[in-house]
N, C-alpha and C. Protein backbone atom coordinates (compact mmCIF):
# COMPACT_ATOMS: atom_id res chain seq x y z
N MET A 1 138.83 120.66 109.36
CA MET A 1 138.85 121.46 110.32
C MET A 1 139.43 122.70 110.44
N ALA A 2 140.58 122.59 109.99
CA ALA A 2 141.55 124.05 109.98
C ALA A 2 140.70 124.98 109.24
N THR A 3 140.24 124.42 107.80
CA THR A 3 139.41 125.32 107.31
C THR A 3 138.29 126.27 108.11
N THR A 4 137.62 125.48 108.45
CA THR A 4 136.35 125.71 109.28
C THR A 4 136.67 127.00 110.49
N LEU A 5 137.83 126.35 111.18
CA LEU A 5 138.36 127.35 112.27
C LEU A 5 138.92 128.63 111.78
N LEU A 6 139.80 128.90 110.71
CA LEU A 6 139.89 129.87 109.95
C LEU A 6 138.97 130.81 109.49
N ALA A 7 137.84 130.30 109.13
CA ALA A 7 136.62 131.04 108.54
C ALA A 7 135.93 131.58 109.83
N SER A 8 135.82 130.76 111.01
CA SER A 8 135.20 131.22 111.79
C SER A 8 135.85 132.48 112.62
N ALA A 9 137.34 132.39 112.71
CA ALA A 9 138.05 133.41 113.10
C ALA A 9 137.66 134.79 112.48
N SER A 10 137.96 134.55 111.04
CA SER A 10 137.75 135.82 110.18
C SER A 10 136.48 136.28 110.16
N ALA A 11 135.41 135.47 110.42
CA ALA A 11 133.94 136.39 110.50
C ALA A 11 133.83 137.01 111.90
N SER A 12 134.51 136.50 112.80
CA SER A 12 134.06 137.30 114.38
C SER A 12 135.38 138.33 114.20
N ALA A 13 136.12 138.82 113.44
CA ALA A 13 137.29 139.83 113.59
C ALA A 13 136.56 141.09 113.86
N ALA A 14 137.36 141.74 114.54
CA ALA A 14 136.73 143.22 114.83
C ALA A 14 137.06 144.17 113.76
N ASN A 15 138.13 143.89 112.67
CA ASN A 15 138.53 144.97 112.05
C ASN A 15 137.86 145.05 110.84
N ILE A 16 137.19 146.15 110.29
CA ILE A 16 136.73 146.49 109.11
C ILE A 16 137.42 147.42 108.33
N GLU A 17 137.45 147.26 106.86
CA GLU A 17 137.82 148.15 105.95
C GLU A 17 136.65 148.99 105.43
N VAL A 18 136.57 150.09 105.22
CA VAL A 18 135.80 151.11 104.78
C VAL A 18 136.11 151.81 103.60
N GLU A 19 135.29 151.88 102.50
CA GLU A 19 135.75 152.61 101.23
C GLU A 19 134.38 153.53 101.01
N LEU A 20 134.62 154.82 100.94
CA LEU A 20 133.33 155.66 100.35
C LEU A 20 133.77 156.36 99.43
N TYR A 21 132.83 156.43 98.19
CA TYR A 21 132.81 156.92 97.19
C TYR A 21 132.01 158.32 96.98
N ASN A 22 132.38 159.33 96.39
CA ASN A 22 131.45 160.38 96.18
C ASN A 22 131.01 160.41 94.82
N LEU A 23 129.42 160.14 94.69
CA LEU A 23 129.00 159.74 93.52
C LEU A 23 128.54 161.14 92.97
N THR A 24 128.72 162.23 93.33
CA THR A 24 128.09 163.57 92.85
C THR A 24 128.93 164.20 91.83
N HIS A 25 128.22 165.10 91.20
CA HIS A 25 128.89 165.64 90.02
C HIS A 25 129.97 166.73 90.61
N ALA A 26 129.55 167.76 91.42
CA ALA A 26 130.49 168.55 91.92
C ALA A 26 130.23 169.09 93.57
N ILE A 27 129.66 168.13 94.32
CA ILE A 27 129.42 168.35 95.55
C ILE A 27 130.64 167.73 96.39
N SER A 28 131.10 168.43 97.25
CA SER A 28 132.38 168.00 98.11
C SER A 28 131.91 167.62 99.45
N PHE A 29 132.38 166.67 100.21
CA PHE A 29 132.12 166.16 101.60
C PHE A 29 133.23 166.82 102.30
N THR A 30 133.08 167.21 103.70
CA THR A 30 133.79 167.66 104.60
C THR A 30 134.45 166.57 105.13
N PRO A 31 135.72 166.34 105.89
CA PRO A 31 136.32 165.11 106.50
C PRO A 31 135.15 164.24 106.97
N ILE A 32 135.29 162.85 106.66
CA ILE A 32 134.27 161.95 106.79
C ILE A 32 134.53 161.25 108.14
N LEU A 33 133.29 161.28 108.97
CA LEU A 33 133.36 160.83 110.10
C LEU A 33 132.70 159.29 110.08
N VAL A 34 133.69 157.91 110.54
CA VAL A 34 132.99 156.75 110.37
C VAL A 34 132.75 156.33 111.78
N SER A 35 131.85 155.94 112.31
CA SER A 35 131.77 155.46 114.19
C SER A 35 131.21 154.24 114.12
N ALA A 36 131.74 153.40 114.72
CA ALA A 36 131.21 152.00 115.37
C ALA A 36 130.67 152.34 116.83
N HIS A 37 129.26 151.81 117.15
CA HIS A 37 128.80 152.08 118.33
C HIS A 37 127.96 150.90 118.78
N ASP A 38 127.40 151.20 119.98
CA ASP A 38 126.39 150.25 120.31
C ASP A 38 124.76 150.54 119.83
N ALA A 39 124.02 149.92 120.38
CA ALA A 39 122.53 150.12 119.83
C ALA A 39 121.97 151.22 120.33
N ASN A 40 122.24 151.70 121.60
CA ASN A 40 121.90 152.83 122.28
C ASN A 40 122.69 154.12 122.10
N THR A 41 123.32 154.22 121.00
CA THR A 41 124.25 155.35 120.57
C THR A 41 123.97 155.57 119.15
N SER A 42 123.98 156.96 118.51
CA SER A 42 123.69 156.90 117.26
C SER A 42 124.23 158.46 116.90
N LEU A 43 124.53 158.79 115.57
CA LEU A 43 124.94 160.07 115.07
C LEU A 43 123.85 161.08 115.07
N PHE A 44 122.88 160.37 114.24
CA PHE A 44 121.67 160.96 114.12
C PHE A 44 120.58 160.03 113.91
N HIS A 45 119.22 160.28 113.71
CA HIS A 45 118.07 159.60 113.53
C HIS A 45 117.28 160.31 112.51
N VAL A 46 116.93 159.81 111.49
CA VAL A 46 115.98 160.81 110.73
C VAL A 46 114.63 160.89 111.11
N GLY A 47 113.88 161.94 111.12
CA GLY A 47 112.62 162.39 111.56
C GLY A 47 112.74 162.98 112.97
N GLU A 48 113.67 162.91 113.56
CA GLU A 48 114.05 163.46 114.97
C GLU A 48 114.75 164.86 114.58
N THR A 49 114.73 165.48 115.99
CA THR A 49 115.25 166.76 115.95
C THR A 49 116.94 166.39 116.01
N ALA A 50 117.89 167.27 115.31
CA ALA A 50 119.19 167.03 115.22
C ALA A 50 119.78 167.78 116.53
N SER A 51 120.47 167.15 117.22
CA SER A 51 121.50 167.41 118.22
C SER A 51 122.45 168.32 117.92
N SER A 52 122.77 169.27 119.06
CA SER A 52 123.92 170.34 118.80
C SER A 52 124.94 169.71 118.10
N ALA A 53 125.26 168.64 118.37
CA ALA A 53 126.49 167.76 117.93
C ALA A 53 126.53 167.75 116.14
N LEU A 54 125.09 167.23 116.03
CA LEU A 54 125.07 167.26 114.37
C LEU A 54 124.94 168.42 113.86
N GLN A 55 124.10 169.39 114.44
CA GLN A 55 124.19 170.73 113.86
C GLN A 55 125.70 171.22 113.71
N LYS A 56 126.67 171.15 114.63
CA LYS A 56 127.79 171.70 114.10
C LYS A 56 128.56 170.80 113.01
N MET A 57 128.30 169.66 112.92
CA MET A 57 129.04 169.08 111.54
C MET A 57 128.20 169.35 110.38
N ALA A 58 126.67 169.47 110.57
CA ALA A 58 125.99 170.03 109.25
C ALA A 58 126.12 171.14 108.60
N GLU A 59 126.42 171.99 109.61
CA GLU A 59 126.43 173.47 109.28
C GLU A 59 127.99 173.83 108.95
N GLY A 60 128.94 173.20 109.66
CA GLY A 60 130.41 173.70 109.41
C GLY A 60 131.29 172.73 109.44
N GLY A 61 130.87 171.35 109.18
CA GLY A 61 131.79 170.29 109.20
C GLY A 61 132.56 169.89 110.36
N ASN A 62 132.32 170.30 111.65
CA ASN A 62 133.01 169.95 112.79
C ASN A 62 132.28 168.56 113.38
N THR A 63 133.29 167.66 113.49
CA THR A 63 132.58 166.35 113.94
C THR A 63 133.05 166.00 115.52
N GLY A 64 133.76 167.05 116.13
CA GLY A 64 134.47 167.00 117.23
C GLY A 64 133.43 166.60 118.45
N ASP A 65 132.35 167.22 118.53
CA ASP A 65 131.15 166.78 119.39
C ASP A 65 130.74 165.30 119.23
N LEU A 66 130.62 164.96 118.13
CA LEU A 66 130.02 163.72 117.67
C LEU A 66 131.09 162.50 118.03
N LYS A 67 132.34 162.83 117.75
CA LYS A 67 133.37 162.00 118.11
C LYS A 67 133.51 161.58 119.67
N THR A 68 133.32 162.81 120.53
CA THR A 68 133.30 162.84 121.88
C THR A 68 132.14 162.13 122.51
N ALA A 69 130.97 162.10 121.67
CA ALA A 69 129.76 161.41 122.39
C ALA A 69 129.90 159.72 122.03
N VAL A 70 130.58 159.39 120.89
CA VAL A 70 130.93 158.15 120.66
C VAL A 70 131.67 157.42 121.44
N THR A 71 132.79 158.09 121.73
CA THR A 71 133.86 157.55 122.42
C THR A 71 133.34 157.42 123.78
N ALA A 72 132.77 158.50 124.50
CA ALA A 72 132.17 158.13 125.84
C ALA A 72 131.24 157.06 126.13
N ALA A 73 130.51 156.75 124.89
CA ALA A 73 129.65 155.43 124.90
C ALA A 73 130.36 154.29 124.88
N GLY A 74 131.80 154.12 124.44
CA GLY A 74 132.42 153.07 124.39
C GLY A 74 132.82 152.60 122.96
N GLY A 75 132.31 153.57 122.12
CA GLY A 75 132.58 153.39 120.57
C GLY A 75 133.68 153.68 120.05
N ALA A 76 134.02 153.60 118.86
CA ALA A 76 135.23 153.76 118.12
C ALA A 76 135.07 154.68 116.82
N ASN A 77 135.99 155.64 116.40
CA ASN A 77 135.83 156.46 115.39
C ASN A 77 136.97 156.42 114.60
N LEU A 78 136.70 156.56 113.10
CA LEU A 78 137.70 156.89 112.14
C LEU A 78 137.27 157.94 111.53
N ASP A 79 138.28 159.00 111.32
CA ASP A 79 138.49 160.05 110.47
C ASP A 79 138.83 159.65 108.88
N LEU A 80 138.01 159.44 108.31
CA LEU A 80 138.42 158.70 106.79
C LEU A 80 138.95 159.64 106.11
N THR A 81 138.83 160.91 106.46
CA THR A 81 139.55 161.93 105.49
C THR A 81 139.81 163.06 106.61
N THR A 82 141.02 164.14 106.23
CA THR A 82 141.19 165.19 106.69
C THR A 82 140.92 166.33 106.04
N ALA A 83 140.71 166.17 104.78
CA ALA A 83 140.39 167.25 103.77
C ALA A 83 139.04 167.03 103.01
N PRO A 84 138.71 167.92 102.27
CA PRO A 84 137.41 167.65 101.71
C PRO A 84 137.51 166.53 100.30
N THR A 85 136.53 165.58 100.39
CA THR A 85 136.42 164.57 99.55
C THR A 85 135.49 165.35 98.19
N LEU A 86 136.24 165.38 96.95
CA LEU A 86 135.71 165.94 95.90
C LEU A 86 134.91 165.32 95.07
N ALA A 87 134.05 165.35 94.36
CA ALA A 87 133.12 164.70 93.48
C ALA A 87 134.07 163.91 92.73
N GLY A 88 133.86 162.56 92.80
CA GLY A 88 134.32 161.44 91.74
C GLY A 88 135.40 160.82 92.26
N THR A 89 135.75 161.08 93.62
CA THR A 89 136.85 160.59 94.40
C THR A 89 136.41 159.52 95.33
N LYS A 90 137.40 158.79 96.05
CA LYS A 90 137.13 157.85 97.20
C LYS A 90 138.13 158.00 98.18
N HIS A 91 137.69 157.42 99.39
CA HIS A 91 138.67 157.46 100.34
C HIS A 91 138.78 155.82 101.12
N MET A 92 139.72 155.57 101.72
CA MET A 92 139.50 154.14 102.48
C MET A 92 140.43 154.26 103.57
N GLY A 93 139.78 153.45 104.63
CA GLY A 93 140.59 153.23 106.02
C GLY A 93 140.08 152.20 106.54
N MET A 94 140.94 151.56 107.80
CA MET A 94 140.70 150.45 108.44
C MET A 94 140.17 151.00 109.93
N LEU A 95 139.15 150.27 110.47
CA LEU A 95 138.58 150.74 111.88
C LEU A 95 138.28 149.49 112.56
N ASP A 96 138.87 149.58 113.84
CA ASP A 96 138.70 148.61 115.08
C ASP A 96 137.18 148.74 115.73
N THR A 97 136.38 147.73 115.29
CA THR A 97 135.17 147.91 116.03
C THR A 97 134.81 147.72 117.16
N GLY A 98 135.80 146.81 117.88
CA GLY A 98 135.75 146.26 119.18
C GLY A 98 134.69 145.45 119.40
N THR A 99 133.81 145.68 120.29
CA THR A 99 132.46 144.97 120.47
C THR A 99 131.27 145.48 119.94
N ASN A 100 131.57 146.79 119.30
CA ASN A 100 130.32 147.40 118.64
C ASN A 100 129.77 146.91 117.37
N MET A 101 128.52 147.04 117.19
CA MET A 101 127.71 146.04 116.11
C MET A 101 127.27 146.97 115.38
N TYR A 102 127.12 148.45 115.59
CA TYR A 102 126.58 149.21 114.51
C TYR A 102 127.65 150.20 113.91
N LEU A 103 127.34 150.58 112.44
CA LEU A 103 128.25 151.61 111.75
C LEU A 103 127.36 152.83 111.52
N SER A 104 127.99 154.19 111.88
CA SER A 104 127.32 155.30 111.25
C SER A 104 128.34 156.15 110.51
N VAL A 105 127.84 157.07 109.49
CA VAL A 105 128.71 157.81 108.92
C VAL A 105 128.10 159.26 108.65
N THR A 106 128.96 160.51 108.77
CA THR A 106 128.46 161.51 108.53
C THR A 106 129.68 162.34 107.78
N ALA A 107 128.90 163.33 107.15
CA ALA A 107 129.93 164.31 106.64
C ALA A 107 129.00 165.51 105.94
N MET A 108 129.74 166.75 105.89
CA MET A 108 128.71 167.65 105.48
C MET A 108 129.01 167.85 104.01
N MET A 109 127.89 168.21 103.32
CA MET A 109 127.83 168.44 101.95
C MET A 109 128.09 170.00 101.45
N LEU A 110 129.11 170.24 100.69
CA LEU A 110 129.33 171.68 100.20
C LEU A 110 129.39 171.91 98.78
N PRO A 111 128.67 172.54 98.24
CA PRO A 111 127.84 173.98 99.19
C PRO A 111 126.58 173.53 99.59
N THR A 112 125.98 173.32 100.68
CA THR A 112 124.49 173.72 101.35
C THR A 112 124.93 173.99 102.67
N ASN A 113 123.67 174.50 103.08
CA ASN A 113 123.65 175.17 104.41
C ASN A 113 123.95 174.24 105.41
N ASP A 114 123.07 173.18 105.34
CA ASP A 114 123.19 172.18 106.67
C ASP A 114 122.82 170.67 105.91
N GLY A 115 123.40 170.51 104.61
CA GLY A 115 122.99 168.99 104.27
C GLY A 115 124.03 168.32 104.53
N PHE A 116 124.08 167.11 104.86
CA PHE A 116 125.09 165.89 104.85
C PHE A 116 124.89 164.61 104.40
N VAL A 117 125.76 164.01 104.07
CA VAL A 117 125.52 162.61 103.68
C VAL A 117 125.84 161.66 104.96
N GLY A 118 124.89 160.70 104.78
CA GLY A 118 124.67 160.07 106.31
C GLY A 118 124.49 158.59 106.05
N LEU A 119 124.77 157.71 107.42
CA LEU A 119 124.35 156.29 107.37
C LEU A 119 123.86 156.34 108.93
N ASP A 120 122.98 155.75 109.27
CA ASP A 120 122.34 155.52 110.68
C ASP A 120 122.44 154.29 111.04
N SER A 121 123.19 154.02 111.97
CA SER A 121 123.05 152.62 112.78
C SER A 121 122.90 151.44 111.91
N TRP A 122 123.79 151.16 110.88
CA TRP A 122 123.78 149.95 110.06
C TRP A 122 124.39 148.99 110.74
N LYS A 123 123.90 147.85 110.60
CA LYS A 123 124.33 146.64 111.69
C LYS A 123 125.40 146.15 110.93
N ILE A 124 126.61 145.87 111.35
CA ILE A 124 127.48 145.45 110.95
C ILE A 124 127.39 143.88 110.97
N PRO A 125 127.61 143.24 109.52
CA PRO A 125 127.40 141.99 109.34
C PRO A 125 128.67 140.98 110.32
N SER A 126 128.17 140.03 110.81
CA SER A 126 129.20 139.03 111.70
C SER A 126 129.77 138.18 110.55
N GLU A 127 129.49 137.92 109.47
CA GLU A 127 130.17 136.99 108.37
C GLU A 127 130.88 137.91 107.68
N ALA A 128 132.23 137.35 107.50
CA ALA A 128 133.32 137.82 106.48
C ALA A 128 132.80 137.96 105.36
N GLY A 129 133.03 139.21 104.63
CA GLY A 129 132.75 139.50 103.27
C GLY A 129 132.84 140.95 102.93
N THR A 130 132.38 141.48 101.64
CA THR A 130 132.38 142.58 101.33
C THR A 130 131.01 143.17 101.13
N TYR A 131 130.41 144.16 101.63
CA TYR A 131 129.09 144.62 101.58
C TYR A 131 128.96 146.39 101.08
N THR A 132 127.83 146.27 100.14
CA THR A 132 127.89 147.66 99.91
C THR A 132 126.55 148.48 100.18
N VAL A 133 126.64 149.61 100.91
CA VAL A 133 125.76 150.27 101.27
C VAL A 133 125.74 151.74 100.25
N MET A 134 124.14 152.22 99.69
CA MET A 134 124.28 153.26 99.51
C MET A 134 123.43 154.43 100.19
N LEU A 135 124.44 155.57 100.07
CA LEU A 135 124.20 156.79 101.18
C LEU A 135 123.17 157.80 100.64
N ASN A 136 122.35 158.49 101.26
CA ASN A 136 121.61 159.51 100.97
C ASN A 136 122.02 160.77 101.56
N ALA A 137 121.42 162.20 100.73
CA ALA A 137 121.75 163.11 101.78
C ALA A 137 120.63 163.53 102.35
N TYR A 138 120.83 164.24 103.47
CA TYR A 138 120.08 164.77 104.66
C TYR A 138 120.27 166.22 104.80
N ASP A 139 119.14 166.91 105.34
CA ASP A 139 119.15 167.99 105.86
C ASP A 139 118.76 167.97 107.13
N ALA A 140 119.76 168.64 107.95
CA ALA A 140 119.84 168.58 109.51
C ALA A 140 118.47 169.43 109.77
N GLY A 141 118.02 170.39 108.97
CA GLY A 141 116.91 171.06 109.65
C GLY A 141 117.00 172.18 110.53
N THR A 142 118.35 172.61 110.67
CA THR A 142 118.86 173.58 111.51
C THR A 142 118.89 174.81 111.05
N GLU A 143 118.78 174.78 109.57
CA GLU A 143 119.28 176.34 108.92
C GLU A 143 118.62 176.42 107.78
N VAL A 144 118.00 177.67 107.42
CA VAL A 144 117.38 177.94 106.35
C VAL A 144 118.46 177.69 105.06
N ASN A 145 117.85 177.10 103.79
CA ASN A 145 118.63 177.18 102.78
C ASN A 145 118.84 178.14 102.10
N ASP A 146 119.25 179.12 102.43
CA ASP A 146 119.41 180.33 101.57
C ASP A 146 120.39 180.47 100.36
N GLU A 147 121.44 179.33 100.59
CA GLU A 147 122.23 178.96 99.31
C GLU A 147 123.39 180.28 99.10
N ILE A 148 123.54 181.14 100.27
CA ILE A 148 124.51 182.25 100.11
C ILE A 148 125.72 181.54 100.66
N ILE A 149 126.68 181.79 99.93
CA ILE A 149 128.06 181.41 100.31
C ILE A 149 128.76 182.52 100.90
N ASN A 150 128.91 182.58 102.28
CA ASN A 150 129.70 183.72 102.78
C ASN A 150 130.51 183.25 103.83
N GLY A 151 131.17 182.07 103.96
CA GLY A 151 132.19 181.78 105.04
C GLY A 151 131.65 181.44 106.12
N GLY A 152 130.24 181.56 106.23
CA GLY A 152 129.69 181.06 107.42
C GLY A 152 129.61 179.63 107.94
N GLY A 153 130.63 179.14 108.96
CA GLY A 153 130.51 177.73 109.41
C GLY A 153 130.04 177.27 110.69
N ASP A 154 129.94 178.12 111.48
CA ASP A 154 129.53 178.20 112.86
C ASP A 154 128.06 177.77 112.91
N ALA A 155 127.60 176.84 114.01
CA ALA A 155 126.35 176.47 114.30
C ALA A 155 125.41 177.91 114.57
N GLY A 156 124.32 177.91 113.75
CA GLY A 156 123.51 179.14 114.12
C GLY A 156 123.89 180.42 113.13
N THR A 157 125.01 180.39 112.57
CA THR A 157 125.35 181.39 111.69
C THR A 157 124.85 181.10 110.35
N PRO A 158 123.81 182.03 109.87
CA PRO A 158 123.30 181.64 108.42
C PRO A 158 124.55 181.59 107.35
N GLY A 159 124.38 180.93 106.35
CA GLY A 159 125.11 180.97 105.16
C GLY A 159 126.00 179.43 104.96
N ILE A 160 126.73 179.40 103.68
CA ILE A 160 127.46 178.52 103.47
C ILE A 160 128.90 178.57 103.48
N PRO A 161 129.77 177.75 104.21
CA PRO A 161 131.14 178.05 104.23
C PRO A 161 131.94 178.36 103.00
N ALA A 162 131.80 177.34 102.16
CA ALA A 162 132.65 177.26 100.99
C ALA A 162 132.18 176.59 100.01
N ASP A 163 132.64 176.59 98.71
CA ASP A 163 132.60 175.69 97.76
C ASP A 163 133.71 175.01 97.17
N PRO A 164 134.40 173.86 97.64
CA PRO A 164 135.57 173.35 97.24
C PRO A 164 135.98 173.08 95.92
N SER A 165 134.90 172.86 95.33
CA SER A 165 134.58 172.71 93.69
C SER A 165 135.18 174.05 92.84
N GLY A 166 135.00 175.06 93.46
CA GLY A 166 135.16 176.24 92.86
C GLY A 166 134.03 176.55 91.84
N ASN A 167 133.04 176.25 91.85
CA ASN A 167 132.18 176.34 90.87
C ASN A 167 131.09 177.56 91.35
N ALA A 168 131.01 178.01 92.40
CA ALA A 168 130.12 179.02 93.06
C ALA A 168 130.02 180.28 92.61
N GLY A 169 128.86 180.92 92.65
CA GLY A 169 129.02 182.51 92.39
C GLY A 169 128.70 183.44 93.45
N SER A 170 128.55 184.45 93.47
CA SER A 170 128.29 185.36 94.46
C SER A 170 127.28 186.53 94.54
N GLY A 171 127.04 187.20 95.59
CA GLY A 171 126.10 188.25 95.71
C GLY A 171 124.34 187.81 95.43
N ALA A 172 124.26 186.57 95.85
CA ALA A 172 122.92 185.96 95.84
C ALA A 172 122.22 186.69 96.86
N THR A 173 120.76 186.70 96.93
CA THR A 173 120.17 187.45 97.64
C THR A 173 119.24 186.46 98.93
N GLY A 174 119.50 184.92 98.02
CA GLY A 174 118.79 184.09 99.14
C GLY A 174 117.66 183.08 98.46
N ALA A 175 118.13 181.81 98.15
CA ALA A 175 117.00 181.22 97.42
C ALA A 175 115.76 180.54 98.15
N SER A 176 115.90 180.89 99.92
CA SER A 176 114.90 180.29 100.79
C SER A 176 114.93 181.15 102.13
N SER A 177 113.84 181.56 102.68
CA SER A 177 113.74 182.27 103.66
C SER A 177 113.00 181.62 104.78
N ASN A 178 112.60 180.42 104.65
CA ASN A 178 112.19 179.42 105.71
C ASN A 178 112.46 178.10 105.49
N GLU A 179 112.49 177.33 106.62
CA GLU A 179 112.67 175.58 106.93
C GLU A 179 111.46 175.13 107.21
N ALA A 180 110.77 174.45 106.29
CA ALA A 180 109.55 173.79 106.43
C ALA A 180 109.65 172.64 107.33
N ASN A 181 110.63 171.82 107.40
CA ASN A 181 110.75 170.62 108.28
C ASN A 181 112.03 170.83 109.42
N SER A 182 111.81 171.35 110.57
CA SER A 182 113.03 171.41 111.39
C SER A 182 113.52 170.15 112.16
N ASN A 183 113.05 168.94 111.64
CA ASN A 183 113.68 167.53 111.81
C ASN A 183 114.66 167.38 110.86
N VAL A 184 115.55 166.11 111.09
CA VAL A 184 116.38 165.63 110.04
C VAL A 184 115.47 165.04 108.98
N HIS A 185 115.84 165.34 107.54
CA HIS A 185 115.04 164.71 106.85
C HIS A 185 115.67 164.78 105.41
N ILE A 186 115.16 164.04 104.39
CA ILE A 186 115.93 163.83 103.16
C ILE A 186 116.05 165.23 102.77
N HIS A 187 117.24 165.65 102.01
CA HIS A 187 117.64 167.01 101.74
C HIS A 187 116.80 167.20 100.49
N PRO A 188 116.05 168.18 100.12
CA PRO A 188 115.56 168.70 98.77
C PRO A 188 116.06 168.96 97.63
N GLY A 189 117.66 169.11 97.90
CA GLY A 189 118.56 169.43 96.97
C GLY A 189 118.68 170.75 96.81
N ASN A 190 119.83 171.24 96.00
CA ASN A 190 120.13 172.60 95.83
C ASN A 190 119.09 173.32 94.61
N VAL A 191 118.64 174.50 94.97
CA VAL A 191 118.05 175.06 93.76
C VAL A 191 118.92 175.61 92.86
N GLY A 192 119.59 176.60 93.41
CA GLY A 192 120.72 177.27 92.87
C GLY A 192 120.25 178.21 91.45
N ASP A 193 121.13 178.75 90.53
CA ASP A 193 120.71 179.37 89.27
C ASP A 193 122.18 179.45 88.51
N THR A 194 121.90 180.38 87.36
CA THR A 194 123.13 180.25 86.45
C THR A 194 123.70 181.96 86.49
N ASP A 195 123.28 182.62 87.59
CA ASP A 195 123.88 183.92 87.61
C ASP A 195 125.11 183.94 88.52
N ALA A 196 126.15 184.13 88.19
CA ALA A 196 127.43 184.06 88.80
C ALA A 196 127.71 185.21 89.69
N THR A 197 126.79 186.31 89.58
CA THR A 197 127.34 187.23 90.21
C THR A 197 125.99 188.05 90.89
N GLY A 198 125.20 187.34 91.15
CA GLY A 198 123.82 188.00 91.87
C GLY A 198 122.87 186.66 91.59
N GLY A 199 121.46 187.07 91.47
CA GLY A 199 120.29 186.30 91.44
C GLY A 199 120.02 185.52 92.93
N ILE A 200 119.34 184.46 93.11
CA ILE A 200 118.77 184.09 94.42
C ILE A 200 119.78 183.05 95.13
N SER A 201 120.73 182.84 94.16
CA SER A 201 121.59 181.49 94.68
C SER A 201 123.16 181.53 94.33
N ASP A 202 123.92 181.47 95.20
CA ASP A 202 125.56 181.51 94.93
C ASP A 202 125.71 179.96 94.38
N VAL A 203 124.82 178.95 94.44
CA VAL A 203 124.98 177.63 93.91
C VAL A 203 124.73 177.78 92.34
N ASN A 204 125.50 176.91 91.93
CA ASN A 204 125.44 176.86 90.35
C ASN A 204 124.45 175.79 90.03
N SER A 205 123.22 176.13 89.34
CA SER A 205 122.42 174.94 89.25
C SER A 205 122.75 173.93 88.15
N THR A 206 123.73 174.27 87.21
CA THR A 206 124.03 173.31 86.29
C THR A 206 125.16 172.28 86.67
N VAL A 207 125.56 172.76 88.03
CA VAL A 207 126.69 171.48 88.39
C VAL A 207 126.40 170.91 89.79
N HIS A 208 125.75 171.87 90.55
CA HIS A 208 125.63 171.48 92.28
C HIS A 208 124.12 170.79 92.82
N ARG A 209 123.54 170.53 91.56
CA ARG A 209 122.29 169.86 91.82
C ARG A 209 122.71 168.28 92.07
N TRP A 210 121.75 167.54 92.49
CA TRP A 210 122.13 165.93 92.62
C TRP A 210 120.61 165.11 92.83
N LEU A 211 120.85 163.92 92.77
CA LEU A 211 119.75 162.86 93.04
C LEU A 211 120.52 161.75 94.14
N ASN A 212 119.61 161.58 94.96
CA ASN A 212 120.05 160.52 95.83
C ASN A 212 120.26 159.08 94.90
N PRO A 213 121.03 158.16 95.32
CA PRO A 213 122.13 158.14 96.32
C PRO A 213 123.26 159.35 96.12
N VAL A 214 124.04 159.95 97.05
CA VAL A 214 124.94 160.69 96.83
C VAL A 214 126.39 160.15 97.14
N ALA A 215 126.28 158.93 97.87
CA ALA A 215 127.65 158.01 97.91
C ALA A 215 127.31 156.75 98.11
N LYS A 216 128.45 155.87 97.88
CA LYS A 216 128.62 154.50 98.03
C LYS A 216 129.82 154.33 99.23
N LEU A 217 129.14 153.37 99.76
CA LEU A 217 129.99 152.96 101.13
C LEU A 217 130.28 151.18 100.92
N VAL A 218 131.48 150.93 100.85
CA VAL A 218 131.96 149.51 100.61
C VAL A 218 132.64 149.34 101.98
N VAL A 219 132.11 148.01 102.89
CA VAL A 219 132.40 147.65 104.00
C VAL A 219 132.92 146.10 103.76
N THR A 220 134.39 145.98 104.22
CA THR A 220 134.98 144.64 104.18
C THR A 220 135.07 144.17 105.45
N VAL A 221 134.18 143.14 105.75
CA VAL A 221 134.56 142.55 107.37
C VAL A 221 135.47 141.57 107.16
N LYS A 222 136.85 141.73 108.07
CA LYS A 222 137.72 140.83 107.96
C LYS A 222 137.35 139.56 108.71
């Protein structure tokens, strides 16, 4: 009887532990937002137009408006990191989900124009245990992927803010001049080139390309 009661209490606990692994070769993630929310709230939806809050995150790593929206809807937020997560590293933290049943994750990917790693409304298991979810890279569809690194990180300002990995070039003329899909969609990946002082892209094609998934999320339900 005691064992049964303990198992039941553990399965219904609101605390979860989250670990996020950056699986890429040289892509960095801006500070990672993990949100617990209800079925009527979301950070993004694939195939739909990005909100202004998502645009700020995808183009400049600013999660402020997303957090405000989640909090206003009764959700809970965890800033898993306060600095970029470099390739090959992981970060972990604890989140009290309260009565919220869904989990979402967002973080901008650098160097990209409006690319982000994301998880949309994953149902948090009610049974205690450890669960692994692989995360894809998405394109917010809000900015042309010109792959020019110019410090631009404000929503609506063309360009890539930076490359924390230190592998970027400069002097690019632009890899693309149009955005074929203006909704949130699977990111086509960086094009890049090998010209460090010119060419079409400031992104290095030998290190900054990727294939999905780009991250692994491990959730432990207490």
